[in-house]
């Protein structure tokens, strides 16, 4: 039996950043989810104390507007609506 050593993209991490929430995730999550500087913390699953510390630190991060960073990374619903409308009109 083969055990996965990494996870998929982790869209929920991108969604959380889109509303300004800090994220503590496994180091097996692809680095591509790290879009907004300072909001994503990658941790080894082997250290419970490290996770506790990271979660405690994340609680002190204030929510902020992250729309520009999320949009720049290609996750902008308005832009995608426009792109799809143009595609179907052609």
C-alpha atoms as a PDB file:
ATOM      1  CA  UNK A   1       0.000   0.000   0.000  1.00  0.00           C
ATOM      2  CA  UNK A   2       1.388   3.391  -0.987  1.00  0.00           C
ATOM      3  CA  UNK A   3       1.085   6.247   1.503  1.00  0.00           C
ATOM      4  CA  UNK A   4       0.713   9.777   0.174  1.00  0.00           C
ATOM      5  CA  UNK A   5       3.517  12.085   1.259  1.00  0.00           C
ATOM      6  CA  UNK A   6       1.862  15.277   0.108  1.00  0.00           C
ATOM      7  CA  UNK A   7      -1.577  16.758  -0.177  1.00  0.00           C
ATOM      8  CA  UNK A   8      -3.402  18.356  -3.069  1.00  0.00           C
ATOM      9  CA  UNK A   9      -3.521  22.114  -3.582  1.00  0.00           C
ATOM     10  CA  UNK A  10      -5.490  22.835  -0.406  1.00  0.00           C
ATOM     11  CA  UNK A  11      -8.044  25.281  -1.776  1.00  0.00           C
ATOM     12  CA  UNK A  12      -9.461  25.773   1.723  1.00  0.00           C
ATOM     13  CA  UNK A  13      -6.162  27.446   2.714  1.00  0.00           C
ATOM     14  CA  UNK A  14      -6.553  29.880  -0.187  1.00  0.00           C
ATOM     15  CA  UNK A  15     -10.174  30.534   0.800  1.00  0.00           C
ATOM     16  CA  UNK A  16      -9.127  31.249   4.389  1.00  0.00           C
ATOM     17  CA  UNK A  17      -6.487  33.730   3.219  1.00  0.00           C
ATOM     18  CA  UNK A  18      -9.078  35.386   0.986  1.00  0.00           C
ATOM     19  CA  UNK A  19     -10.938  36.473   4.120  1.00  0.00           C
ATOM     20  CA  UNK A  20      -7.745  37.323   5.992  1.00  0.00           C
ATOM     21  CA  UNK A  21      -7.523  34.300   8.266  1.00  0.00           C
ATOM     22  CA  UNK A  22      -4.148  32.927   9.349  1.00  0.00           C
ATOM     23  CA  UNK A  23      -3.538  29.257   8.541  1.00  0.00           C
ATOM     24  CA  UNK A  24      -1.424  26.614  10.243  1.00  0.00           C
ATOM     25  CA  UNK A  25      -0.964  23.703   7.851  1.00  0.00           C
ATOM     26  CA  UNK A  26       1.051  20.541   7.452  1.00  0.00           C
ATOM     27  CA  UNK A  27       4.370  20.851   5.663  1.00  0.00           C
ATOM     28  CA  UNK A  28       2.928  18.300   3.211  1.00  0.00           C
ATOM     29  CA  UNK A  29       0.611  20.977   1.801  1.00  0.00           C
ATOM     30  CA  UNK A  30       2.064  22.457  -1.419  1.00  0.00           C
ATOM     31  CA  UNK A  31       3.819  25.804  -0.977  1.00  0.00           C
ATOM     32  CA  UNK A  32       1.646  27.176  -3.789  1.00  0.00           C
ATOM     33  CA  UNK A  33      -1.073  27.896  -1.218  1.00  0.00           C
ATOM     34  CA  UNK A  34       1.141  30.477   0.492  1.00  0.00           C
ATOM     35  CA  UNK A  35      -0.271  33.567  -1.205  1.00  0.00           C
ATOM     36  CA  UNK A  36      -0.601  36.269   1.448  1.00  0.00           C
ATOM     37  CA  UNK A  37       2.650  36.983   3.272  1.00  0.00           C
ATOM     38  CA  UNK A  38       2.489  36.127   6.949  1.00  0.00           C
ATOM     39  CA  UNK A  39      -0.791  34.216   6.895  1.00  0.00           C
ATOM     40  CA  UNK A  40       0.386  30.646   6.238  1.00  0.00           C
ATOM     41  CA  UNK A  41       2.581  28.696   8.634  1.00  0.00           C
ATOM     42  CA  UNK A  42       3.845  25.255   7.560  1.00  0.00           C
ATOM     43  CA  UNK A  43       4.485  22.765  10.355  1.00  0.00           C
ATOM     44  CA  UNK A  44       5.707  19.203  10.705  1.00  0.00           C
ATOM     45  CA  UNK A  45       3.051  16.810  11.905  1.00  0.00           C
ATOM     46  CA  UNK A  46       5.585  15.222  14.241  1.00  0.00           C
ATOM     47  CA  UNK A  47       5.638  18.059  16.798  1.00  0.00           C
ATOM     48  CA  UNK A  48       2.477  18.728  18.774  1.00  0.00           C
ATOM     49  CA  UNK A  49       4.188  21.476  20.771  1.00  0.00           C
ATOM     50  CA  UNK A  50       5.197  23.237  17.551  1.00  0.00           C
ATOM     51  CA  UNK A  51       1.564  23.146  16.356  1.00  0.00           C
ATOM     52  CA  UNK A  52       0.304  24.489  19.665  1.00  0.00           C
ATOM     53  CA  UNK A  53       2.769  27.377  19.488  1.00  0.00           C
ATOM     54  CA  UNK A  54       1.952  28.127  15.845  1.00  0.00           C
ATOM     55  CA  UNK A  55      -1.793  28.118  16.495  1.00  0.00           C
ATOM     56  CA  UNK A  56      -1.355  30.317  19.545  1.00  0.00           C
ATOM     57  CA  UNK A  57       0.721  32.774  17.463  1.00  0.00           C
ATOM     58  CA  UNK A  58      -1.831  32.707  14.634  1.00  0.00           C
ATOM     59  CA  UNK A  59      -4.521  33.821  17.061  1.00  0.00           C
ATOM     60  CA  UNK A  60      -2.702  37.157  17.471  1.00  0.00           C
ATOM     61  CA  UNK A  61      -2.647  37.955  13.738  1.00  0.00           C
ATOM     62  CA  UNK A  62      -5.223  40.582  12.891  1.00  0.00           C
ATOM     63  CA  UNK A  63      -7.456  40.055   9.886  1.00  0.00           C
ATOM     64  CA  UNK A  64      -6.743  42.343   6.977  1.00  0.00           C
ATOM     65  CA  UNK A  65      -7.890  42.979   3.418  1.00  0.00           C
ATOM     66  CA  UNK A  66      -6.167  40.435   1.202  1.00  0.00           C
ATOM     67  CA  UNK A  67      -8.158  40.910  -1.991  1.00  0.00           C
ATOM     68  CA  UNK A  68      -5.298  42.367  -4.034  1.00  0.00           C
ATOM     69  CA  UNK A  69      -2.879  39.532  -3.196  1.00  0.00           C
ATOM     70  CA  UNK A  70      -5.504  36.852  -3.833  1.00  0.00           C
ATOM     71  CA  UNK A  71      -6.513  38.452  -7.145  1.00  0.00           C
ATOM     72  CA  UNK A  72      -2.871  38.806  -8.215  1.00  0.00           C
ATOM     73  CA  UNK A  73      -2.446  35.059  -7.632  1.00  0.00           C
ATOM     74  CA  UNK A  74      -5.295  34.362 -10.082  1.00  0.00           C
ATOM     75  CA  UNK A  75      -8.155  33.792  -7.649  1.00  0.00           C
ATOM     76  CA  UNK A  76     -10.515  36.644  -8.508  1.00  0.00           C
ATOM     77  CA  UNK A  77     -14.129  35.630  -9.119  1.00  0.00           C
ATOM     78  CA  UNK A  78     -14.988  38.844 -11.005  1.00  0.00           C
ATOM     79  CA  UNK A  79     -12.063  38.365 -13.390  1.00  0.00           C
ATOM     80  CA  UNK A  80     -12.999  34.725 -13.932  1.00  0.00           C
ATOM     81  CA  UNK A  81     -16.644  35.611 -14.625  1.00  0.00           C
ATOM     82  CA  UNK A  82     -15.505  38.080 -17.286  1.00  0.00           C
ATOM     83  CA  UNK A  83     -13.123  35.515 -18.787  1.00  0.00           C
ATOM     84  CA  UNK A  84     -15.830  32.838 -18.937  1.00  0.00           C
ATOM     85  CA  UNK A  85     -18.393  35.224 -20.440  1.00  0.00           C
ATOM     86  CA  UNK A  86     -15.954  36.164 -23.206  1.00  0.00           C
ATOM     87  CA  UNK A  87     -15.158  32.495 -23.796  1.00  0.00           C
ATOM     88  CA  UNK A  88     -18.814  31.510 -24.204  1.00  0.00           C
ATOM     89  CA  UNK A  89     -19.653  34.534 -26.329  1.00  0.00           C
ATOM     90  CA  UNK A  90     -17.002  33.565 -28.912  1.00  0.00           C
END
